[in-house]
PDB file of N, CA and C in Angstrom:
ATOM      1  N   MET A   1     -32.419  -2.146 -42.672  1.00  0.00           N
ATOM      2  CA  MET A   1     -30.984  -2.204 -42.977  1.00  0.00           C
ATOM      3  C   MET A   1     -30.176  -1.166 -42.264  1.00  0.00           C
ATOM      4  N   ARG A   2     -30.866  -0.156 -41.773  1.00  0.00           N
ATOM      5  CA  ARG A   2     -30.103   0.900 -41.079  1.00  0.00           C
ATOM      6  C   ARG A   2     -29.403   0.501 -39.795  1.00  0.00           C
ATOM      7  N   ASP A   3     -29.894  -0.583 -39.188  1.00  0.00           N
ATOM      8  CA  ASP A   3     -29.338  -0.968 -37.945  1.00  0.00           C
ATOM      9  C   ASP A   3     -28.101  -1.974 -38.093  1.00  0.00           C
ATOM     10  N   ARG A   4     -27.825  -2.246 -39.350  1.00  0.00           N
ATOM     11  CA  ARG A   4     -26.759  -3.176 -39.600  1.00  0.00           C
ATOM     12  C   ARG A   4     -25.386  -2.690 -39.074  1.00  0.00           C
ATOM     13  N   GLY A   5     -24.738  -3.564 -38.241  1.00  0.00           N
ATOM     14  CA  GLY A   5     -23.360  -3.219 -37.680  1.00  0.00           C
ATOM     15  C   GLY A   5     -23.485  -2.551 -36.338  1.00  0.00           C
ATOM     16  N   THR A   6     -24.674  -2.221 -35.795  1.00  0.00           N
ATOM     17  CA  THR A   6     -24.736  -1.601 -34.434  1.00  0.00           C
ATOM     18  C   THR A   6     -24.287  -2.569 -33.358  1.00  0.00           C
ATOM     19  N   ALA A   7     -24.528  -3.801 -33.463  1.00  0.00           N
ATOM     20  CA  ALA A   7     -24.100  -4.758 -32.391  1.00  0.00           C
ATOM     21  C   ALA A   7     -22.613  -4.744 -32.365  1.00  0.00           C
ATOM     22  N   THR A   8     -21.911  -4.683 -33.501  1.00  0.00           N
ATOM     23  CA  THR A   8     -20.465  -4.707 -33.458  1.00  0.00           C
ATOM     24  C   THR A   8     -19.972  -3.399 -32.837  1.00  0.00           C
ATOM     25  N   ALA A   9     -20.480  -2.313 -33.101  1.00  0.00           N
ATOM     26  CA  ALA A   9     -20.120  -1.004 -32.559  1.00  0.00           C
ATOM     27  C   ALA A   9     -20.341  -1.049 -31.017  1.00  0.00           C
ATOM     28  N   GLU A  10     -21.483  -1.587 -30.548  1.00  0.00           N
ATOM     29  CA  GLU A  10     -21.780  -1.611 -29.164  1.00  0.00           C
ATOM     30  C   GLU A  10     -20.784  -2.556 -28.404  1.00  0.00           C
ATOM     31  N   ILE A  11     -20.411  -3.638 -29.001  1.00  0.00           N
ATOM     32  CA  ILE A  11     -19.420  -4.510 -28.367  1.00  0.00           C
ATOM     33  C   ILE A  11     -18.087  -3.852 -28.312  1.00  0.00           C
ATOM     34  N   ALA A  12     -17.708  -3.145 -29.369  1.00  0.00           N
ATOM     35  CA  ALA A  12     -16.434  -2.461 -29.416  1.00  0.00           C
ATOM     36  C   ALA A  12     -16.346  -1.437 -28.358  1.00  0.00           C
ATOM     37  N   VAL A  13     -17.403  -0.847 -27.933  1.00  0.00           N
ATOM     38  CA  VAL A  13     -17.444   0.165 -26.910  1.00  0.00           C
ATOM     39  C   VAL A  13     -17.475  -0.480 -25.505  1.00  0.00           C
ATOM     40  N   ALA A  14     -18.324  -1.457 -25.365  1.00  0.00           N
ATOM     41  CA  ALA A  14     -18.507  -2.103 -24.075  1.00  0.00           C
ATOM     42  C   ALA A  14     -17.389  -3.015 -23.683  1.00  0.00           C
ATOM     43  N   LEU A  15     -16.664  -3.637 -24.562  1.00  0.00           N
ATOM     44  CA  LEU A  15     -15.712  -4.676 -24.190  1.00  0.00           C
ATOM     45  C   LEU A  15     -14.467  -4.071 -23.409  1.00  0.00           C
ATOM     46  N   PRO A  16     -13.912  -2.891 -23.790  1.00  0.00           N
ATOM     47  CA  PRO A  16     -12.876  -2.421 -22.985  1.00  0.00           C
ATOM     48  C   PRO A  16     -13.315  -2.010 -21.529  1.00  0.00           C
ATOM     49  N   SER A  17     -14.567  -1.526 -21.386  1.00  0.00           N
ATOM     50  CA  SER A  17     -15.052  -1.214 -20.122  1.00  0.00           C
ATOM     51  C   SER A  17     -15.221  -2.489 -19.218  1.00  0.00           C
ATOM     52  N   LEU A  18     -15.657  -3.551 -19.873  1.00  0.00           N
ATOM     53  CA  LEU A  18     -15.865  -4.794 -19.195  1.00  0.00           C
ATOM     54  C   LEU A  18     -14.426  -5.362 -18.756  1.00  0.00           C
ATOM     55  N   VAL A  19     -13.451  -5.198 -19.584  1.00  0.00           N
ATOM     56  CA  VAL A  19     -12.101  -5.702 -19.239  1.00  0.00           C
ATOM     57  C   VAL A  19     -11.631  -4.897 -18.019  1.00  0.00           C
ATOM     58  N   LEU A  20     -11.854  -3.609 -18.066  1.00  0.00           N
ATOM     59  CA  LEU A  20     -11.314  -2.695 -16.996  1.00  0.00           C
ATOM     60  C   LEU A  20     -12.023  -3.053 -15.616  1.00  0.00           C
ATOM     61  N   VAL A  21     -13.320  -3.235 -15.669  1.00  0.00           N
ATOM     62  CA  VAL A  21     -14.051  -3.580 -14.517  1.00  0.00           C
ATOM     63  C   VAL A  21     -13.573  -4.868 -13.943  1.00  0.00           C
ATOM     64  N   THR A  22     -13.372  -5.892 -14.806  1.00  0.00           N
ATOM     65  CA  THR A  22     -12.783  -7.217 -14.408  1.00  0.00           C
ATOM     66  C   THR A  22     -11.455  -7.091 -13.754  1.00  0.00           C
ATOM     67  N   ALA A  23     -10.589  -6.236 -14.359  1.00  0.00           N
ATOM     68  CA  ALA A  23      -9.202  -6.033 -13.747  1.00  0.00           C
ATOM     69  C   ALA A  23      -9.336  -5.362 -12.359  1.00  0.00           C
ATOM     70  N   ILE A  24     -10.217  -4.479 -12.244  1.00  0.00           N
ATOM     71  CA  ILE A  24     -10.382  -3.799 -10.906  1.00  0.00           C
ATOM     72  C   ILE A  24     -10.947  -4.810  -9.814  1.00  0.00           C
ATOM     73  N   VAL A  25     -11.861  -5.589 -10.248  1.00  0.00           N
ATOM     74  CA  VAL A  25     -12.434  -6.645  -9.310  1.00  0.00           C
ATOM     75  C   VAL A  25     -11.345  -7.593  -8.933  1.00  0.00           C
ATOM     76  N   LEU A  26     -10.519  -8.068  -9.919  1.00  0.00           N
ATOM     77  CA  LEU A  26      -9.449  -8.995  -9.537  1.00  0.00           C
ATOM     78  C   LEU A  26      -8.487  -8.408  -8.629  1.00  0.00           C
ATOM     79  N   TRP A  27      -8.140  -7.090  -8.848  1.00  0.00           N
ATOM     80  CA  TRP A  27      -7.238  -6.411  -7.968  1.00  0.00           C
ATOM     81  C   TRP A  27      -7.796  -6.342  -6.529  1.00  0.00           C
ATOM     82  N   GLY A  28      -9.132  -6.072  -6.404  1.00  0.00           N
ATOM     83  CA  GLY A  28      -9.730  -6.016  -5.147  1.00  0.00           C
ATOM     84  C   GLY A  28      -9.705  -7.368  -4.414  1.00  0.00           C
ATOM     85  N   VAL A  29      -9.909  -8.364  -5.095  1.00  0.00           N
ATOM     86  CA  VAL A  29      -9.880  -9.778  -4.580  1.00  0.00           C
ATOM     87  C   VAL A  29      -8.465 -10.046  -4.121  1.00  0.00           C
ATOM     88  N   ARG A  30      -7.469  -9.612  -4.916  1.00  0.00           N
ATOM     89  CA  ARG A  30      -6.036  -9.866  -4.428  1.00  0.00           C
ATOM     90  C   ARG A  30      -5.759  -9.031  -3.198  1.00  0.00           C
ATOM     91  N   ALA A  31      -6.214  -7.847  -3.168  1.00  0.00           N
ATOM     92  CA  ALA A  31      -5.964  -7.040  -1.929  1.00  0.00           C
ATOM     93  C   ALA A  31      -6.540  -7.663  -0.728  1.00  0.00           C
ATOM     94  N   ALA A  32      -7.806  -8.156  -0.852  1.00  0.00           N
ATOM     95  CA  ALA A  32      -8.473  -8.880   0.292  1.00  0.00           C
ATOM     96  C   ALA A  32      -7.695 -10.068   0.713  1.00  0.00           C
ATOM     97  N   SER A  33      -7.176 -10.835  -0.273  1.00  0.00           N
ATOM     98  CA  SER A  33      -6.390 -12.018   0.006  1.00  0.00           C
ATOM     99  C   SER A  33      -5.113 -11.672   0.717  1.00  0.00           C
ATOM    100  N   VAL A  34      -4.447 -10.704   0.331  1.00  0.00           N
ATOM    101  CA  VAL A  34      -3.216 -10.264   0.994  1.00  0.00           C
ATOM    102  C   VAL A  34      -3.535  -9.748   2.321  1.00  0.00           C
ATOM    103  N   GLN A  35      -4.622  -9.089   2.541  1.00  0.00           N
ATOM    104  CA  GLN A  35      -4.992  -8.598   3.884  1.00  0.00           C
ATOM    105  C   GLN A  35      -5.252  -9.733   4.802  1.00  0.00           C
ATOM    106  N   LEU A  36      -5.952 -10.767   4.382  1.00  0.00           N
ATOM    107  CA  LEU A  36      -6.156 -11.920   5.221  1.00  0.00           C
ATOM    108  C   LEU A  36      -4.978 -12.735   5.581  1.00  0.00           C
ATOM    109  N   ALA A  37      -4.048 -12.854   4.569  1.00  0.00           N
ATOM    110  CA  ALA A  37      -2.815 -13.522   4.830  1.00  0.00           C
ATOM    111  C   ALA A  37      -1.960 -12.819   5.859  1.00  0.00           C
ATOM    112  N   CYS A  38      -1.899 -11.492   5.732  1.00  0.00           N
ATOM    113  CA  CYS A  38      -1.137 -10.697   6.698  1.00  0.00           C
ATOM    114  C   CYS A  38      -1.783 -10.734   8.107  1.00  0.00           C
ATOM    115  N   THR A  39      -3.084 -10.671   8.187  1.00  0.00           N
ATOM    116  CA  THR A  39      -3.781 -10.718   9.444  1.00  0.00           C
ATOM    117  C   THR A  39      -3.514 -12.190  10.139  1.00  0.00           C
ATOM    118  N   ASP A  40      -3.645 -13.177   9.401  1.00  0.00           N
ATOM    119  CA  ASP A  40      -3.385 -14.552   9.923  1.00  0.00           C
ATOM    120  C   ASP A  40      -1.969 -14.702  10.343  1.00  0.00           C
ATOM    121  N   ALA A  41      -1.017 -14.226   9.590  1.00  0.00           N
ATOM    122  CA  ALA A  41       0.445 -14.312   9.969  1.00  0.00           C
ATOM    123  C   ALA A  41       0.728 -13.494  11.172  1.00  0.00           C
ATOM    124  N   ALA A  42       0.118 -12.306  11.277  1.00  0.00           N
ATOM    125  CA  ALA A  42       0.331 -11.543  12.512  1.00  0.00           C
ATOM    126  C   ALA A  42      -0.161 -12.185  13.786  1.00  0.00           C
ATOM    127  N   ARG A  43      -1.372 -12.776  13.697  1.00  0.00           N
ATOM    128  CA  ARG A  43      -1.945 -13.511  14.816  1.00  0.00           C
ATOM    129  C   ARG A  43      -1.099 -14.708  15.174  1.00  0.00           C
ATOM    130  N   SER A  44      -0.649 -15.514  14.245  1.00  0.00           N
ATOM    131  CA  SER A  44       0.163 -16.656  14.469  1.00  0.00           C
ATOM    132  C   SER A  44       1.490 -16.209  15.120  1.00  0.00           C
ATOM    133  N   GLY A  45       2.132 -15.139  14.601  1.00  0.00           N
ATOM    134  CA  GLY A  45       3.414 -14.707  15.155  1.00  0.00           C
ATOM    135  C   GLY A  45       3.160 -14.134  16.553  1.00  0.00           C
ATOM    136  N   ALA A  46       2.121 -13.381  16.817  1.00  0.00           N
ATOM    137  CA  ALA A  46       1.899 -12.925  18.217  1.00  0.00           C
ATOM    138  C   ALA A  46       1.680 -14.061  19.159  1.00  0.00           C
ATOM    139  N   ARG A  47       0.923 -15.089  18.764  1.00  0.00           N
ATOM    140  CA  ARG A  47       0.790 -16.195  19.658  1.00  0.00           C
ATOM    141  C   ARG A  47       2.112 -16.972  19.944  1.00  0.00           C
ATOM    142  N   ALA A  48       2.876 -17.190  18.919  1.00  0.00           N
ATOM    143  CA  ALA A  48       4.205 -17.857  19.031  1.00  0.00           C
ATOM    144  C   ALA A  48       5.168 -17.035  19.974  1.00  0.00           C
ATOM    145  N   ALA A  49       5.217 -15.755  19.765  1.00  0.00           N
ATOM    146  CA  ALA A  49       6.028 -14.866  20.609  1.00  0.00           C
ATOM    147  C   ALA A  49       5.596 -14.829  22.014  1.00  0.00           C
ATOM    148  N   ALA A  50       4.324 -14.856  22.237  1.00  0.00           N
ATOM    149  CA  ALA A  50       3.713 -14.818  23.605  1.00  0.00           C
ATOM    150  C   ALA A  50       4.049 -16.128  24.313  1.00  0.00           C
ATOM    151  N   ARG A  51       4.197 -17.227  23.625  1.00  0.00           N
ATOM    152  CA  ARG A  51       4.530 -18.486  24.228  1.00  0.00           C
ATOM    153  C   ARG A  51       5.997 -18.607  24.612  1.00  0.00           C
ATOM    154  N   GLY A  52       6.836 -17.609  24.098  1.00  0.00           N
ATOM    155  CA  GLY A  52       8.247 -17.679  24.418  1.00  0.00           C
ATOM    156  C   GLY A  52       9.141 -18.035  23.315  1.00  0.00           C
ATOM    157  N   GLU A  53       8.677 -18.193  22.039  1.00  0.00           N
ATOM    158  CA  GLU A  53       9.571 -18.501  20.920  1.00  0.00           C
ATOM    159  C   GLU A  53      10.513 -17.299  20.718  1.00  0.00           C
ATOM    160  N   SER A  54      11.670 -17.546  20.217  1.00  0.00           N
ATOM    161  CA  SER A  54      12.581 -16.398  19.931  1.00  0.00           C
ATOM    162  C   SER A  54      11.991 -15.493  18.890  1.00  0.00           C
ATOM    163  N   LEU A  55      12.280 -14.214  19.009  1.00  0.00           N
ATOM    164  CA  LEU A  55      11.727 -13.270  18.099  1.00  0.00           C
ATOM    165  C   LEU A  55      12.245 -13.511  16.657  1.00  0.00           C
ATOM    166  N   THR A  56      13.470 -14.058  16.551  1.00  0.00           N
ATOM    167  CA  THR A  56      14.004 -14.384  15.144  1.00  0.00           C
ATOM    168  C   THR A  56      13.190 -15.525  14.598  1.00  0.00           C
ATOM    169  N   ALA A  57      12.806 -16.483  15.388  1.00  0.00           N
ATOM    170  CA  ALA A  57      12.007 -17.629  14.852  1.00  0.00           C
ATOM    171  C   ALA A  57      10.691 -17.130  14.483  1.00  0.00           C
ATOM    172  N   VAL A  58      10.060 -16.263  15.299  1.00  0.00           N
ATOM    173  CA  VAL A  58       8.777 -15.725  15.035  1.00  0.00           C
ATOM    174  C   VAL A  58       8.768 -14.919  13.794  1.00  0.00           C
ATOM    175  N   ARG A  59       9.788 -14.056  13.589  1.00  0.00           N
ATOM    176  CA  ARG A  59       9.880 -13.208  12.405  1.00  0.00           C
ATOM    177  C   ARG A  59       9.995 -14.081  11.178  1.00  0.00           C
ATOM    178  N   ASP A  60      10.765 -15.147  11.230  1.00  0.00           N
ATOM    179  CA  ASP A  60      10.931 -16.035  10.092  1.00  0.00           C
ATOM    180  C   ASP A  60       9.626 -16.752   9.803  1.00  0.00           C
ATOM    181  N   LEU A  61       8.844 -17.100  10.807  1.00  0.00           N
ATOM    182  CA  LEU A  61       7.475 -17.758  10.594  1.00  0.00           C
ATOM    183  C   LEU A  61       6.593 -16.815   9.868  1.00  0.00           C
ATOM    184  N   VAL A  62       6.556 -15.587  10.303  1.00  0.00           N
ATOM    185  CA  VAL A  62       5.641 -14.573   9.708  1.00  0.00           C
ATOM    186  C   VAL A  62       6.077 -14.238   8.343  1.00  0.00           C
ATOM    187  N   VAL A  63       7.375 -14.087   8.031  1.00  0.00           N
ATOM    188  CA  VAL A  63       7.834 -13.765   6.733  1.00  0.00           C
ATOM    189  C   VAL A  63       7.476 -14.884   5.730  1.00  0.00           C
ATOM    190  N   ARG A  64       7.495 -16.096   6.150  1.00  0.00           N
ATOM    191  CA  ARG A  64       7.218 -17.180   5.265  1.00  0.00           C
ATOM    192  C   ARG A  64       5.687 -17.182   4.845  1.00  0.00           C
ATOM    193  N   ALA A  65       4.863 -16.538   5.662  1.00  0.00           N
ATOM    194  CA  ALA A  65       3.436 -16.588   5.412  1.00  0.00           C
ATOM    195  C   ALA A  65       2.879 -15.333   4.728  1.00  0.00           C
ATOM    196  N   VAL A  66       3.647 -14.308   4.583  1.00  0.00           N
ATOM    197  CA  VAL A  66       3.219 -13.099   3.903  1.00  0.00           C
ATOM    198  C   VAL A  66       3.882 -12.942   2.507  1.00  0.00           C
ATOM    199  N   PRO A  67       3.331 -12.097   1.662  1.00  0.00           N
ATOM    200  CA  PRO A  67       3.910 -11.894   0.319  1.00  0.00           C
ATOM    201  C   PRO A  67       5.303 -11.296   0.438  1.00  0.00           C
ATOM    202  N   LYS A  68       6.121 -11.567  -0.579  1.00  0.00           N
ATOM    203  CA  LYS A  68       7.520 -11.013  -0.686  1.00  0.00           C
ATOM    204  C   LYS A  68       7.447  -9.530  -0.607  1.00  0.00           C
ATOM    205  N   GLY A  69       8.398  -8.974   0.025  1.00  0.00           N
ATOM    206  CA  GLY A  69       8.511  -7.523   0.127  1.00  0.00           C
ATOM    207  C   GLY A  69       7.686  -6.950   1.236  1.00  0.00           C
ATOM    208  N   ALA A  70       7.020  -7.740   2.088  1.00  0.00           N
ATOM    209  CA  ALA A  70       6.247  -7.194   3.160  1.00  0.00           C
ATOM    210  C   ALA A  70       7.208  -6.835   4.300  1.00  0.00           C
ATOM    211  N   THR A  71       6.830  -5.853   5.013  1.00  0.00           N
ATOM    212  CA  THR A  71       7.583  -5.349   6.218  1.00  0.00           C
ATOM    213  C   THR A  71       6.992  -5.992   7.457  1.00  0.00           C
ATOM    214  N   VAL A  72       7.864  -6.654   8.180  1.00  0.00           N
ATOM    215  CA  VAL A  72       7.440  -7.422   9.447  1.00  0.00           C
ATOM    216  C   VAL A  72       8.235  -6.799  10.611  1.00  0.00           C
ATOM    217  N   GLN A  73       7.463  -6.374  11.710  1.00  0.00           N
ATOM    218  CA  GLN A  73       8.110  -5.895  12.930  1.00  0.00           C
ATOM    219  C   GLN A  73       7.494  -6.722  14.049  1.00  0.00           C
ATOM    220  N   VAL A  74       8.334  -7.247  14.943  1.00  0.00           N
ATOM    221  CA  VAL A  74       7.925  -7.988  16.131  1.00  0.00           C
ATOM    222  C   VAL A  74       8.573  -7.309  17.369  1.00  0.00           C
ATOM    223  N   HIS A  75       7.781  -7.033  18.330  1.00  0.00           N
ATOM    224  CA  HIS A  75       8.282  -6.376  19.593  1.00  0.00           C
ATOM    225  C   HIS A  75       7.600  -7.145  20.794  1.00  0.00           C
ATOM    226  N   ARG A  76       8.439  -7.383  21.800  1.00  0.00           N
ATOM    227  CA  ARG A  76       7.951  -8.040  22.985  1.00  0.00           C
ATOM    228  C   ARG A  76       8.503  -7.216  24.206  1.00  0.00           C
ATOM    229  N   ASP A  77       7.576  -6.969  25.161  1.00  0.00           N
ATOM    230  CA  ASP A  77       8.017  -6.346  26.452  1.00  0.00           C
ATOM    231  C   ASP A  77       7.449  -7.249  27.509  1.00  0.00           C
ATOM    232  N   GLU A  78       7.497  -6.756  28.684  1.00  0.00           N
ATOM    233  CA  GLU A  78       7.069  -7.585  29.913  1.00  0.00           C
ATOM    234  C   GLU A  78       5.672  -8.055  29.773  1.00  0.00           C
ATOM    235  N   ALA A  79       4.774  -7.296  29.193  1.00  0.00           N
ATOM    236  CA  ALA A  79       3.337  -7.650  29.280  1.00  0.00           C
ATOM    237  C   ALA A  79       2.760  -7.980  27.883  1.00  0.00           C
ATOM    238  N   THR A  80       3.269  -7.480  26.795  1.00  0.00           N
ATOM    239  CA  THR A  80       2.607  -7.764  25.523  1.00  0.00           C
ATOM    240  C   THR A  80       3.623  -8.121  24.427  1.00  0.00           C
ATOM    241  N   VAL A  81       3.089  -8.760  23.416  1.00  0.00           N
ATOM    242  CA  VAL A  81       3.827  -8.867  22.133  1.00  0.00           C
ATOM    243  C   VAL A  81       3.039  -8.246  21.035  1.00  0.00           C
ATOM    244  N   ARG A  82       3.753  -7.592  20.133  1.00  0.00           N
ATOM    245  CA  ARG A  82       3.025  -6.898  19.028  1.00  0.00           C
ATOM    246  C   ARG A  82       3.767  -7.359  17.793  1.00  0.00           C
ATOM    247  N   VAL A  83       2.882  -7.624  16.786  1.00  0.00           N
ATOM    248  CA  VAL A  83       3.387  -7.977  15.398  1.00  0.00           C
ATOM    249  C   VAL A  83       2.678  -7.042  14.426  1.00  0.00           C
ATOM    250  N   ASP A  84       3.477  -6.303  13.688  1.00  0.00           N
ATOM    251  CA  ASP A  84       2.982  -5.369  12.690  1.00  0.00           C
ATOM    252  C   ASP A  84       3.512  -5.777  11.309  1.00  0.00           C
ATOM    253  N   ILE A  85       2.523  -5.823  10.341  1.00  0.00           N
ATOM    254  CA  ILE A  85       2.947  -6.198   9.013  1.00  0.00           C
ATOM    255  C   ILE A  85       2.365  -5.134   7.995  1.00  0.00           C
ATOM    256  N   SER A  86       3.166  -4.786   7.090  1.00  0.00           N
ATOM    257  CA  SER A  86       2.690  -3.925   5.977  1.00  0.00           C
ATOM    258  C   SER A  86       3.080  -4.617   4.637  1.00  0.00           C
ATOM    259  N   ALA A  87       2.202  -4.611   3.733  1.00  0.00           N
ATOM    260  CA  ALA A  87       2.514  -5.279   2.406  1.00  0.00           C
ATOM    261  C   ALA A  87       1.886  -4.406   1.323  1.00  0.00           C
ATOM    262  N   SER A  88       2.517  -4.310   0.188  1.00  0.00           N
ATOM    263  CA  SER A  88       2.042  -3.478  -0.897  1.00  0.00           C
ATOM    264  C   SER A  88       1.365  -4.360  -1.916  1.00  0.00           C
ATOM    265  N   VAL A  89       0.252  -3.985  -2.440  1.00  0.00           N
ATOM    266  CA  VAL A  89      -0.478  -4.668  -3.517  1.00  0.00           C
ATOM    267  C   VAL A  89      -0.575  -3.816  -4.691  1.00  0.00           C
ATOM    268  N   ASP A  90       0.268  -4.206  -5.698  1.00  0.00           N
ATOM    269  CA  ASP A  90       0.338  -3.446  -6.945  1.00  0.00           C
ATOM    270  C   ASP A  90      -0.849  -3.681  -7.813  1.00  0.00           C
ATOM    271  N   THR A  91      -1.158  -2.719  -8.643  1.00  0.00           N
ATOM    272  CA  THR A  91      -2.280  -2.916  -9.695  1.00  0.00           C
ATOM    273  C   THR A  91      -1.664  -3.186 -10.992  1.00  0.00           C
ATOM    274  N   ALA A  92      -2.509  -3.681 -11.911  1.00  0.00           N
ATOM    275  CA  ALA A  92      -2.076  -3.812 -13.268  1.00  0.00           C
ATOM    276  C   ALA A  92      -1.734  -2.480 -13.859  1.00  0.00           C
ATOM    277  N   ALA A  93      -0.721  -2.385 -14.695  1.00  0.00           N
ATOM    278  CA  ALA A  93      -0.360  -1.075 -15.301  1.00  0.00           C
ATOM    279  C   ALA A  93      -1.536  -0.470 -16.121  1.00  0.00           C
ATOM    280  N   ALA A  94      -2.358  -1.279 -16.674  1.00  0.00           N
ATOM    281  CA  ALA A  94      -3.577  -0.741 -17.453  1.00  0.00           C
ATOM    282  C   ALA A  94      -4.585  -0.059 -16.565  1.00  0.00           C
ATOM    283  N   ILE A  95      -4.687  -0.391 -15.341  1.00  0.00           N
ATOM    284  CA  ILE A  95      -5.659   0.221 -14.502  1.00  0.00           C
ATOM    285  C   ILE A  95      -5.274   1.675 -14.214  1.00  0.00           C
ATOM    286  N   GLY A  96      -3.965   1.830 -13.888  1.00  0.00           N
ATOM    287  CA  GLY A  96      -3.526   3.100 -13.585  1.00  0.00           C
ATOM    288  C   GLY A  96      -3.729   3.621 -12.172  1.00  0.00           C
ATOM    289  N   LEU A  97      -4.094   2.759 -11.331  1.00  0.00           N
ATOM    290  CA  LEU A  97      -4.301   3.110  -9.829  1.00  0.00           C
ATOM    291  C   LEU A  97      -2.931   2.870  -9.097  1.00  0.00           C
ATOM    292  N   PRO A  98      -2.729   3.681  -8.111  1.00  0.00           N
ATOM    293  CA  PRO A  98      -1.509   3.469  -7.233  1.00  0.00           C
ATOM    294  C   PRO A  98      -1.625   2.194  -6.430  1.00  0.00           C
ATOM    295  N   ALA A  99      -0.411   1.743  -5.994  1.00  0.00           N
ATOM    296  CA  ALA A  99      -0.414   0.491  -5.211  1.00  0.00           C
ATOM    297  C   ALA A  99      -1.115   0.799  -3.838  1.00  0.00           C
ATOM    298  N   LEU A 100      -1.746  -0.297  -3.308  1.00  0.00           N
ATOM    299  CA  LEU A 100      -2.445  -0.244  -2.056  1.00  0.00           C
ATOM    300  C   LEU A 100      -1.589  -0.842  -1.046  1.00  0.00           C
ATOM    301  N   VAL A 101      -1.391  -0.159   0.161  1.00  0.00           N
ATOM    302  CA  VAL A 101      -0.622  -0.709   1.215  1.00  0.00           C
ATOM    303  C   VAL A 101      -1.570  -1.317   2.234  1.00  0.00           C
ATOM    304  N   VAL A 102      -1.440  -2.599   2.591  1.00  0.00           N
ATOM    305  CA  VAL A 102      -2.238  -3.288   3.482  1.00  0.00           C
ATOM    306  C   VAL A 102      -1.496  -3.408   4.791  1.00  0.00           C
ATOM    307  N   HIS A 103      -2.087  -3.188   5.937  1.00  0.00           N
ATOM    308  CA  HIS A 103      -1.564  -3.249   7.234  1.00  0.00           C
ATOM    309  C   HIS A 103      -2.238  -4.234   8.071  1.00  0.00           C
ATOM    310  N   ALA A 104      -1.494  -5.003   8.893  1.00  0.00           N
ATOM    311  CA  ALA A 104      -2.055  -5.866   9.838  1.00  0.00           C
ATOM    312  C   ALA A 104      -1.354  -5.803  11.157  1.00  0.00           C
ATOM    313  N   HIS A 105      -2.109  -5.842  12.258  1.00  0.00           N
ATOM    314  CA  HIS A 105      -1.528  -5.703  13.617  1.00  0.00           C
ATOM    315  C   HIS A 105      -2.239  -6.728  14.482  1.00  0.00           C
ATOM    316  N   ALA A 106      -1.317  -7.364  15.296  1.00  0.00           N
ATOM    317  CA  ALA A 106      -1.844  -8.309  16.341  1.00  0.00           C
ATOM    318  C   ALA A 106      -1.080  -8.165  17.573  1.00  0.00           C
ATOM    319  N   ALA A 107      -1.695  -8.291  18.714  1.00  0.00           N
ATOM    320  CA  ALA A 107      -1.073  -8.179  19.960  1.00  0.00           C
ATOM    321  C   ALA A 107      -1.535  -9.344  20.868  1.00  0.00           C
ATOM    322  N   ALA A 108      -0.656  -9.756  21.719  1.00  0.00           N
ATOM    323  CA  ALA A 108      -1.034 -10.836  22.670  1.00  0.00           C
ATOM    324  C   ALA A 108      -0.239 -10.581  23.997  1.00  0.00           C
ATOM    325  N   GLU A 109      -0.921 -11.043  25.118  1.00  0.00           N
ATOM    326  CA  GLU A 109      -0.253 -10.930  26.398  1.00  0.00           C
ATOM    327  C   GLU A 109       0.892 -12.099  26.481  1.00  0.00           C
ATOM    328  N   THR A 110       2.041 -11.656  26.976  1.00  0.00           N
ATOM    329  CA  THR A 110       3.087 -12.637  27.074  1.00  0.00           C
ATOM    330  C   THR A 110       2.844 -13.567  28.325  1.00  0.00           C
ATOM    331  N   GLU A 111       3.390 -14.780  28.241  1.00  0.00           N
ATOM    332  CA  GLU A 111       3.375 -15.775  29.326  1.00  0.00           C
ATOM    333  C   GLU A 111       4.133 -15.108  30.578  1.00  0.00           C
ATOM    334  N   PRO A 112       3.663 -15.415  31.716  1.00  0.00           N
ATOM    335  CA  PRO A 112       4.422 -14.962  32.875  1.00  0.00           C
ATOM    336  C   PRO A 112       5.900 -15.488  32.926  1.00  0.00           C
ATOM    337  N   GLY A 113       6.784 -14.570  33.224  1.00  0.00           N
ATOM    338  CA  GLY A 113       8.100 -14.989  33.420  1.00  0.00           C
ATOM    339  C   GLY A 113       9.039 -14.903  32.183  1.00  0.00           C
ATOM    340  N   LEU A 114       8.481 -14.424  30.986  1.00  0.00           N
ATOM    341  CA  LEU A 114       9.362 -14.225  29.760  1.00  0.00           C
ATOM    342  C   LEU A 114       9.941 -12.958  29.913  1.00  0.00           C
ATOM    343  N   PRO A 115      11.327 -12.927  29.533  1.00  0.00           N
ATOM    344  CA  PRO A 115      12.076 -11.702  29.576  1.00  0.00           C
ATOM    345  C   PRO A 115      11.652 -10.836  28.410  1.00  0.00           C
ATOM    346  N   PRO A 116      11.827  -9.509  28.520  1.00  0.00           N
ATOM    347  CA  PRO A 116      11.502  -8.598  27.399  1.00  0.00           C
ATOM    348  C   PRO A 116      12.547  -8.742  26.358  1.00  0.00           C
ATOM    349  N   ALA A 117      12.164  -8.557  25.120  1.00  0.00           N
ATOM    350  CA  ALA A 117      13.154  -8.576  23.990  1.00  0.00           C
ATOM    351  C   ALA A 117      12.646  -7.699  22.908  1.00  0.00           C
ATOM    352  N   THR A 118      13.476  -7.318  21.972  1.00  0.00           N
ATOM    353  CA  THR A 118      13.127  -6.501  20.829  1.00  0.00           C
ATOM    354  C   THR A 118      13.408  -7.234  19.580  1.00  0.00           C
ATOM    355  N   SER A 119      12.793  -6.808  18.551  1.00  0.00           N
ATOM    356  CA  SER A 119      13.068  -7.518  17.260  1.00  0.00           C
ATOM    357  C   SER A 119      14.439  -7.307  16.797  1.00  0.00           C
ATOM    358  N   PRO A 120      14.936  -8.266  16.045  1.00  0.00           N
ATOM    359  CA  PRO A 120      16.294  -8.209  15.533  1.00  0.00           C
ATOM    360  C   PRO A 120      16.451  -7.191  14.465  1.00  0.00           C
TER     361      PRO A 120
END
């Protein structure tokens, strides 16, 4: 009879830890998902700009593919196109970790004969 109630006490101690670990894992999956979305958007934008699309159209294309609040920079010169994206991934308030900033960068060679331009 001395062991009566120990399972309840063990669960009461372990459950908050399990919830915290689950929240951290979900935050990590979200950060990886945002990283992949930003990388794909940067590559697509660099390809489009290298083909000669206007930088405004390229920026709009990239902004639609990344999370809200992401910073998008597109730059084209005579030889290359560069697309840089930064996005913040916030954590749940209960975790207490700071937001993670994800960066993605893509570059491509411009098609011959395209004039240089800068982002709007």
